[in-house]
């Protein structure tokens, strides 16, 4: 993401939907002492964690579509795996563009199609059979911006030029199958407003042990392809 956004030493950059500061920390290292990093997120709990991960960054609790940054105040603005959760993605992209200096870049990373990450279609099908409609829909949510035309249209609606769009390989790794599935059932689904009862969670975990066994390594880790799409425009 930082490469696609053209981030280098001495740059001032904006990390939108910075979350726990994983990319923010890498950006701070990349720009060095002569640059600056601002991280914006709507979740105060996320920013507490980000402050530990990236102590040099300026962290701001704000809506991604209405940041307090000045016009043309950064060399690059980027959003990694956050745009799919925004109620108005074009407004967020337009806000990022507002903050970027002439000649700077707006960068974006989203997940490739659900079907390209083979463990997730299996999990979605399991939820469809056992947990109603809301749960599988919530698991699909991170993959909604996989279409090239959709991405191009989002940039156009934000007043940005034609983006450079590349699909890049990626790999998901979890310590075990159960860690991966529980992260979705007990972590992700509640974030999306879906709460499952404990009996159902137990049943889903038991069935997932069989359905997802092909993705478990000899050492017990859960590993499968998870490609992503990188987008950037000037």
C-alpha atoms as a PDB file:
ATOM      1  CA  UNK A   1       0.000   0.000   0.000  1.00  0.00           C
ATOM      2  CA  UNK A   2       2.746   2.455   0.900  1.00  0.00           C
ATOM      3  CA  UNK A   3       4.560   1.717  -2.339  1.00  0.00           C
ATOM      4  CA  UNK A   4       1.416   2.236  -4.403  1.00  0.00           C
ATOM      5  CA  UNK A   5       0.714   5.490  -2.581  1.00  0.00           C
ATOM      6  CA  UNK A   6       4.237   6.689  -3.340  1.00  0.00           C
ATOM      7  CA  UNK A   7       5.162   7.173   0.317  1.00  0.00           C
ATOM      8  CA  UNK A   8       8.831   7.963   0.931  1.00  0.00           C
ATOM      9  CA  UNK A   9      11.154   9.632   3.421  1.00  0.00           C
ATOM     10  CA  UNK A  10      10.075  13.120   4.470  1.00  0.00           C
ATOM     11  CA  UNK A  11       6.487  12.799   3.291  1.00  0.00           C
ATOM     12  CA  UNK A  12       3.429  13.894   5.217  1.00  0.00           C
ATOM     13  CA  UNK A  13       0.775  11.175   4.946  1.00  0.00           C
ATOM     14  CA  UNK A  14      -2.775  10.395   6.038  1.00  0.00           C
ATOM     15  CA  UNK A  15      -3.933   6.901   7.035  1.00  0.00           C
ATOM     16  CA  UNK A  16      -7.745   6.770   6.817  1.00  0.00           C
ATOM     17  CA  UNK A  17      -9.540   4.144   8.923  1.00  0.00           C
ATOM     18  CA  UNK A  18      -6.198   3.461  10.568  1.00  0.00           C
ATOM     19  CA  UNK A  19      -7.689   0.996  13.060  1.00  0.00           C
ATOM     20  CA  UNK A  20      -5.091  -0.422  15.416  1.00  0.00           C
ATOM     21  CA  UNK A  21      -2.266   1.324  13.589  1.00  0.00           C
ATOM     22  CA  UNK A  22      -0.638  -1.554  11.711  1.00  0.00           C
ATOM     23  CA  UNK A  23      -0.115   0.445   8.515  1.00  0.00           C
ATOM     24  CA  UNK A  24       0.294   3.688  10.465  1.00  0.00           C
ATOM     25  CA  UNK A  25       3.366   2.247  12.180  1.00  0.00           C
ATOM     26  CA  UNK A  26       4.922   1.171   8.883  1.00  0.00           C
ATOM     27  CA  UNK A  27       4.164   4.591   7.393  1.00  0.00           C
ATOM     28  CA  UNK A  28       5.886   6.343  10.310  1.00  0.00           C
ATOM     29  CA  UNK A  29       8.999   4.256   9.712  1.00  0.00           C
ATOM     30  CA  UNK A  30       8.896   4.984   5.991  1.00  0.00           C
ATOM     31  CA  UNK A  31       8.560   8.792   6.274  1.00  0.00           C
ATOM     32  CA  UNK A  32      11.167   9.071   9.032  1.00  0.00           C
ATOM     33  CA  UNK A  33      11.817  11.979  11.357  1.00  0.00           C
ATOM     34  CA  UNK A  34      11.387  14.562   8.597  1.00  0.00           C
ATOM     35  CA  UNK A  35       7.882  13.370   7.695  1.00  0.00           C
ATOM     36  CA  UNK A  36       4.603  13.051   9.543  1.00  0.00           C
ATOM     37  CA  UNK A  37       1.747  10.575   9.799  1.00  0.00           C
ATOM     38  CA  UNK A  38      -1.853  11.356  10.706  1.00  0.00           C
ATOM     39  CA  UNK A  39      -4.153   8.439  11.447  1.00  0.00           C
ATOM     40  CA  UNK A  40      -7.919   8.893  11.409  1.00  0.00           C
ATOM     41  CA  UNK A  41     -10.455   6.441  12.804  1.00  0.00           C
ATOM     42  CA  UNK A  42     -13.964   6.689  14.180  1.00  0.00           C
ATOM     43  CA  UNK A  43     -13.277   4.163  16.958  1.00  0.00           C
ATOM     44  CA  UNK A  44     -11.614   5.490  20.129  1.00  0.00           C
ATOM     45  CA  UNK A  45     -10.706   1.974  21.244  1.00  0.00           C
ATOM     46  CA  UNK A  46      -8.849   1.383  17.993  1.00  0.00           C
ATOM     47  CA  UNK A  47      -6.907   4.609  18.455  1.00  0.00           C
ATOM     48  CA  UNK A  48      -5.778   3.598  21.943  1.00  0.00           C
ATOM     49  CA  UNK A  49      -4.125   0.525  20.435  1.00  0.00           C
ATOM     50  CA  UNK A  50      -2.791   2.555  17.493  1.00  0.00           C
ATOM     51  CA  UNK A  51      -1.123   5.007  19.888  1.00  0.00           C
ATOM     52  CA  UNK A  52       0.989   2.155  21.251  1.00  0.00           C
ATOM     53  CA  UNK A  53       1.779   0.799  17.788  1.00  0.00           C
ATOM     54  CA  UNK A  54       2.661   4.171  16.261  1.00  0.00           C
ATOM     55  CA  UNK A  55       3.654   6.607  19.036  1.00  0.00           C
ATOM     56  CA  UNK A  56       5.008   9.189  16.554  1.00  0.00           C
ATOM     57  CA  UNK A  57       1.739   9.451  14.653  1.00  0.00           C
ATOM     58  CA  UNK A  58      -0.927  12.076  15.236  1.00  0.00           C
ATOM     59  CA  UNK A  59      -4.122  10.117  15.855  1.00  0.00           C
ATOM     60  CA  UNK A  60      -7.502  11.724  15.325  1.00  0.00           C
ATOM     61  CA  UNK A  61     -10.957  10.447  16.226  1.00  0.00           C
ATOM     62  CA  UNK A  62     -13.077  11.606  13.289  1.00  0.00           C
ATOM     63  CA  UNK A  63     -15.391  10.525  10.508  1.00  0.00           C
ATOM     64  CA  UNK A  64     -13.372   9.590   7.431  1.00  0.00           C
ATOM     65  CA  UNK A  65     -15.526  11.847   5.244  1.00  0.00           C
ATOM     66  CA  UNK A  66     -14.987  14.942   7.422  1.00  0.00           C
ATOM     67  CA  UNK A  67     -11.435  14.987   8.744  1.00  0.00           C
ATOM     68  CA  UNK A  68     -10.030  18.119  10.411  1.00  0.00           C
ATOM     69  CA  UNK A  69      -6.950  18.195   8.163  1.00  0.00           C
ATOM     70  CA  UNK A  70      -6.268  21.277   6.052  1.00  0.00           C
ATOM     71  CA  UNK A  71      -6.586  21.304   2.277  1.00  0.00           C
ATOM     72  CA  UNK A  72      -3.476  20.069   0.437  1.00  0.00           C
ATOM     73  CA  UNK A  73      -1.714  19.200   3.686  1.00  0.00           C
ATOM     74  CA  UNK A  74      -0.327  15.729   2.892  1.00  0.00           C
ATOM     75  CA  UNK A  75       1.675  14.095   0.109  1.00  0.00           C
ATOM     76  CA  UNK A  76      -0.379  10.904   0.158  1.00  0.00           C
ATOM     77  CA  UNK A  77      -3.613   9.624   1.663  1.00  0.00           C
ATOM     78  CA  UNK A  78      -4.434   5.936   1.840  1.00  0.00           C
ATOM     79  CA  UNK A  79      -7.078   3.605   3.214  1.00  0.00           C
ATOM     80  CA  UNK A  80      -6.289  -0.082   3.701  1.00  0.00           C
ATOM     81  CA  UNK A  81      -9.273  -2.443   3.993  1.00  0.00           C
ATOM     82  CA  UNK A  82     -11.570   0.225   5.401  1.00  0.00           C
ATOM     83  CA  UNK A  83     -13.518   1.759   2.515  1.00  0.00           C
ATOM     84  CA  UNK A  84     -15.942  -1.177   2.288  1.00  0.00           C
ATOM     85  CA  UNK A  85     -17.333  -0.227   5.698  1.00  0.00           C
ATOM     86  CA  UNK A  86     -17.947   3.439   4.904  1.00  0.00           C
ATOM     87  CA  UNK A  87     -21.552   4.563   4.312  1.00  0.00           C
ATOM     88  CA  UNK A  88     -20.449   6.962   1.540  1.00  0.00           C
ATOM     89  CA  UNK A  89     -17.231   5.714  -0.124  1.00  0.00           C
ATOM     90  CA  UNK A  90     -17.069   8.486  -2.779  1.00  0.00           C
ATOM     91  CA  UNK A  91     -17.276  11.106  -0.024  1.00  0.00           C
ATOM     92  CA  UNK A  92     -14.361   9.460   1.780  1.00  0.00           C
ATOM     93  CA  UNK A  93     -12.261   9.362  -1.393  1.00  0.00           C
ATOM     94  CA  UNK A  94     -13.120  12.998  -2.108  1.00  0.00           C
ATOM     95  CA  UNK A  95     -12.049  13.931   1.421  1.00  0.00           C
ATOM     96  CA  UNK A  96      -8.759  12.103   0.948  1.00  0.00           C
ATOM     97  CA  UNK A  97      -8.234  13.950  -2.343  1.00  0.00           C
ATOM     98  CA  UNK A  98      -8.959  17.278  -0.631  1.00  0.00           C
ATOM     99  CA  UNK A  99      -6.165  16.654   1.837  1.00  0.00           C
ATOM    100  CA  UNK A 100      -3.581  15.661  -0.792  1.00  0.00           C
ATOM    101  CA  UNK A 101      -1.226  18.190  -2.342  1.00  0.00           C
ATOM    102  CA  UNK A 102      -1.092  18.588  -6.129  1.00  0.00           C
ATOM    103  CA  UNK A 103       0.844  15.669  -7.581  1.00  0.00           C
ATOM    104  CA  UNK A 104       0.238  13.517  -4.502  1.00  0.00           C
ATOM    105  CA  UNK A 105      -1.538  10.186  -4.437  1.00  0.00           C
ATOM    106  CA  UNK A 106      -4.718   8.668  -3.084  1.00  0.00           C
ATOM    107  CA  UNK A 107      -4.218   4.959  -2.379  1.00  0.00           C
ATOM    108  CA  UNK A 108      -6.693   2.232  -1.563  1.00  0.00           C
ATOM    109  CA  UNK A 109      -6.503  -1.476  -0.753  1.00  0.00           C
ATOM    110  CA  UNK A 110      -9.538  -3.768  -0.825  1.00  0.00           C
ATOM    111  CA  UNK A 111     -10.019  -7.524  -0.828  1.00  0.00           C
ATOM    112  CA  UNK A 112     -10.408  -9.442  -4.071  1.00  0.00           C
ATOM    113  CA  UNK A 113     -13.621 -11.365  -4.791  1.00  0.00           C
ATOM    114  CA  UNK A 114     -14.837 -13.695  -2.048  1.00  0.00           C
ATOM    115  CA  UNK A 115     -14.472 -16.658  -4.409  1.00  0.00           C
ATOM    116  CA  UNK A 116     -10.730 -15.973  -4.747  1.00  0.00           C
ATOM    117  CA  UNK A 117     -10.252 -16.643  -1.019  1.00  0.00           C
ATOM    118  CA  UNK A 118     -11.370 -20.286  -0.946  1.00  0.00           C
ATOM    119  CA  UNK A 119     -11.927 -20.733   2.787  1.00  0.00           C
ATOM    120  CA  UNK A 120     -14.506 -17.962   2.937  1.00  0.00           C
ATOM    121  CA  UNK A 121     -17.069 -19.342   0.443  1.00  0.00           C
ATOM    122  CA  UNK A 122     -17.089 -22.551   2.488  1.00  0.00           C
ATOM    123  CA  UNK A 123     -17.690 -20.598   5.691  1.00  0.00           C
ATOM    124  CA  UNK A 124     -20.379 -18.456   4.045  1.00  0.00           C
ATOM    125  CA  UNK A 125     -22.190 -21.580   2.810  1.00  0.00           C
ATOM    126  CA  UNK A 126     -22.051 -23.050   6.318  1.00  0.00           C
ATOM    127  CA  UNK A 127     -23.564 -19.891   7.787  1.00  0.00           C
ATOM    128  CA  UNK A 128     -26.267 -19.838   5.114  1.00  0.00           C
ATOM    129  CA  UNK A 129     -27.335 -23.346   6.089  1.00  0.00           C
ATOM    130  CA  UNK A 130     -27.146 -22.939   9.847  1.00  0.00           C
ATOM    131  CA  UNK A 131     -27.370 -19.276  10.850  1.00  0.00           C
ATOM    132  CA  UNK A 132     -29.895 -17.412   8.671  1.00  0.00           C
ATOM    133  CA  UNK A 133     -29.214 -14.528   6.294  1.00  0.00           C
ATOM    134  CA  UNK A 134     -27.566 -11.818   8.404  1.00  0.00           C
ATOM    135  CA  UNK A 135     -24.480 -13.846   9.350  1.00  0.00           C
ATOM    136  CA  UNK A 136     -23.361 -14.823   5.822  1.00  0.00           C
ATOM    137  CA  UNK A 137     -24.128 -11.320   4.561  1.00  0.00           C
ATOM    138  CA  UNK A 138     -21.866  -9.906   7.282  1.00  0.00           C
ATOM    139  CA  UNK A 139     -19.043 -12.227   6.258  1.00  0.00           C
ATOM    140  CA  UNK A 140     -19.406 -11.141   2.625  1.00  0.00           C
ATOM    141  CA  UNK A 141     -19.195  -7.440   3.532  1.00  0.00           C
ATOM    142  CA  UNK A 142     -15.386  -7.029   3.316  1.00  0.00           C
ATOM    143  CA  UNK A 143     -15.392  -8.250  -0.295  1.00  0.00           C
ATOM    144  CA  UNK A 144     -17.905  -5.838  -1.852  1.00  0.00           C
ATOM    145  CA  UNK A 145     -15.388  -3.673  -3.775  1.00  0.00           C
ATOM    146  CA  UNK A 146     -13.723  -6.418  -5.799  1.00  0.00           C
ATOM    147  CA  UNK A 147     -14.998  -5.267  -9.219  1.00  0.00           C
ATOM    148  CA  UNK A 148     -12.650  -3.084 -11.305  1.00  0.00           C
ATOM    149  CA  UNK A 149     -15.508  -1.052 -12.784  1.00  0.00           C
ATOM    150  CA  UNK A 150     -16.999  -0.444  -9.338  1.00  0.00           C
ATOM    151  CA  UNK A 151     -13.648   0.845  -8.107  1.00  0.00           C
ATOM    152  CA  UNK A 152     -13.171   3.055 -11.161  1.00  0.00           C
ATOM    153  CA  UNK A 153     -16.669   4.470 -10.721  1.00  0.00           C
ATOM    154  CA  UNK A 154     -15.993   5.236  -7.052  1.00  0.00           C
ATOM    155  CA  UNK A 155     -12.899   7.229  -7.980  1.00  0.00           C
ATOM    156  CA  UNK A 156     -14.788   9.036 -10.746  1.00  0.00           C
ATOM    157  CA  UNK A 157     -17.626   9.942  -8.348  1.00  0.00           C
ATOM    158  CA  UNK A 158     -15.013  11.413  -6.011  1.00  0.00           C
ATOM    159  CA  UNK A 159     -13.646  13.590  -8.815  1.00  0.00           C
ATOM    160  CA  UNK A 160     -10.427  11.598  -9.140  1.00  0.00           C
ATOM    161  CA  UNK A 161      -8.728  10.451 -12.322  1.00  0.00           C
ATOM    162  CA  UNK A 162      -8.577   6.913 -13.663  1.00  0.00           C
ATOM    163  CA  UNK A 163      -6.928   4.756 -10.999  1.00  0.00           C
ATOM    164  CA  UNK A 164      -4.197   2.195 -11.513  1.00  0.00           C
ATOM    165  CA  UNK A 165      -5.710  -1.095 -10.342  1.00  0.00           C
ATOM    166  CA  UNK A 166      -3.637  -4.212  -9.660  1.00  0.00           C
ATOM    167  CA  UNK A 167      -4.548  -7.544  -8.124  1.00  0.00           C
ATOM    168  CA  UNK A 168      -1.835  -8.768  -5.785  1.00  0.00           C
ATOM    169  CA  UNK A 169      -1.364 -12.202  -4.218  1.00  0.00           C
ATOM    170  CA  UNK A 170      -1.807 -12.579  -0.503  1.00  0.00           C
ATOM    171  CA  UNK A 171      -2.025 -15.336   2.081  1.00  0.00           C
ATOM    172  CA  UNK A 172      -4.127 -15.590   5.223  1.00  0.00           C
ATOM    173  CA  UNK A 173      -2.456 -17.377   8.129  1.00  0.00           C
ATOM    174  CA  UNK A 174      -4.054 -18.312  11.442  1.00  0.00           C
ATOM    175  CA  UNK A 175      -2.559 -20.399  14.274  1.00  0.00           C
ATOM    176  CA  UNK A 176      -5.378 -22.921  13.864  1.00  0.00           C
ATOM    177  CA  UNK A 177      -8.669 -23.510  12.088  1.00  0.00           C
ATOM    178  CA  UNK A 178     -10.626 -22.733  15.240  1.00  0.00           C
ATOM    179  CA  UNK A 179      -8.830 -19.435  15.752  1.00  0.00           C
ATOM    180  CA  UNK A 180      -9.845 -18.364  12.244  1.00  0.00           C
ATOM    181  CA  UNK A 181     -13.486 -19.428  12.553  1.00  0.00           C
ATOM    182  CA  UNK A 182     -13.896 -18.072  16.076  1.00  0.00           C
ATOM    183  CA  UNK A 183     -12.441 -14.747  14.950  1.00  0.00           C
ATOM    184  CA  UNK A 184     -15.352 -14.514  12.521  1.00  0.00           C
ATOM    185  CA  UNK A 185     -18.085 -15.905  14.781  1.00  0.00           C
ATOM    186  CA  UNK A 186     -17.131 -14.166  18.031  1.00  0.00           C
ATOM    187  CA  UNK A 187     -15.278 -11.167  16.640  1.00  0.00           C
ATOM    188  CA  UNK A 188     -16.331 -10.074  13.182  1.00  0.00           C
ATOM    189  CA  UNK A 189     -20.035 -10.965  13.257  1.00  0.00           C
ATOM    190  CA  UNK A 190     -20.737  -8.993  16.477  1.00  0.00           C
ATOM    191  CA  UNK A 191     -18.908  -5.990  14.971  1.00  0.00           C
ATOM    192  CA  UNK A 192     -21.427  -6.211  12.124  1.00  0.00           C
ATOM    193  CA  UNK A 193     -24.342  -6.474  14.558  1.00  0.00           C
ATOM    194  CA  UNK A 194     -24.822 -10.252  14.345  1.00  0.00           C
ATOM    195  CA  UNK A 195     -24.812 -12.175  17.633  1.00  0.00           C
ATOM    196  CA  UNK A 196     -24.998 -15.984  17.574  1.00  0.00           C
ATOM    197  CA  UNK A 197     -25.897 -18.063  20.634  1.00  0.00           C
ATOM    198  CA  UNK A 198     -23.247 -20.316  22.141  1.00  0.00           C
ATOM    199  CA  UNK A 199     -24.921 -23.592  21.152  1.00  0.00           C
ATOM    200  CA  UNK A 200     -24.953 -22.506  17.504  1.00  0.00           C
ATOM    201  CA  UNK A 201     -21.342 -21.320  17.670  1.00  0.00           C
ATOM    202  CA  UNK A 202     -20.280 -24.690  19.068  1.00  0.00           C
ATOM    203  CA  UNK A 203     -22.140 -26.535  16.305  1.00  0.00           C
ATOM    204  CA  UNK A 204     -20.630 -24.297  13.625  1.00  0.00           C
ATOM    205  CA  UNK A 205     -17.115 -24.816  14.961  1.00  0.00           C
ATOM    206  CA  UNK A 206     -17.581 -28.581  14.994  1.00  0.00           C
ATOM    207  CA  UNK A 207     -18.798 -28.640  11.387  1.00  0.00           C
ATOM    208  CA  UNK A 208     -16.098 -26.224  10.264  1.00  0.00           C
ATOM    209  CA  UNK A 209     -13.454 -28.644  11.544  1.00  0.00           C
ATOM    210  CA  UNK A 210     -14.482 -31.009   8.745  1.00  0.00           C
ATOM    211  CA  UNK A 211     -15.405 -28.530   6.016  1.00  0.00           C
ATOM    212  CA  UNK A 212     -12.194 -26.497   6.244  1.00  0.00           C
ATOM    213  CA  UNK A 213      -9.760 -29.329   6.975  1.00  0.00           C
ATOM    214  CA  UNK A 214      -8.109 -29.010   3.544  1.00  0.00           C
ATOM    215  CA  UNK A 215      -6.686 -25.610   4.535  1.00  0.00           C
ATOM    216  CA  UNK A 216      -4.948 -26.912   7.673  1.00  0.00           C
ATOM    217  CA  UNK A 217      -1.208 -27.556   7.431  1.00  0.00           C
ATOM    218  CA  UNK A 218       0.621 -30.489   9.007  1.00  0.00           C
ATOM    219  CA  UNK A 219       1.593 -28.141  11.803  1.00  0.00           C
ATOM    220  CA  UNK A 220      -2.046 -27.283  12.523  1.00  0.00           C
ATOM    221  CA  UNK A 221      -2.042 -23.752  11.104  1.00  0.00           C
ATOM    222  CA  UNK A 222      -4.825 -22.465   8.864  1.00  0.00           C
ATOM    223  CA  UNK A 223      -3.443 -21.146   5.555  1.00  0.00           C
ATOM    224  CA  UNK A 224      -5.246 -20.110   2.377  1.00  0.00           C
ATOM    225  CA  UNK A 225      -4.983 -17.551  -0.455  1.00  0.00           C
ATOM    226  CA  UNK A 226      -6.349 -14.072   0.292  1.00  0.00           C
ATOM    227  CA  UNK A 227      -5.590 -11.820  -2.706  1.00  0.00           C
ATOM    228  CA  UNK A 228      -6.097  -8.067  -2.554  1.00  0.00           C
ATOM    229  CA  UNK A 229      -6.594  -5.209  -4.976  1.00  0.00           C
ATOM    230  CA  UNK A 230      -4.386  -2.118  -4.801  1.00  0.00           C
ATOM    231  CA  UNK A 231      -5.639   1.137  -6.287  1.00  0.00           C
ATOM    232  CA  UNK A 232      -3.870   4.467  -6.653  1.00  0.00           C
ATOM    233  CA  UNK A 233      -4.394   7.719  -8.488  1.00  0.00           C
ATOM    234  CA  UNK A 234      -2.761  11.135  -8.623  1.00  0.00           C
END
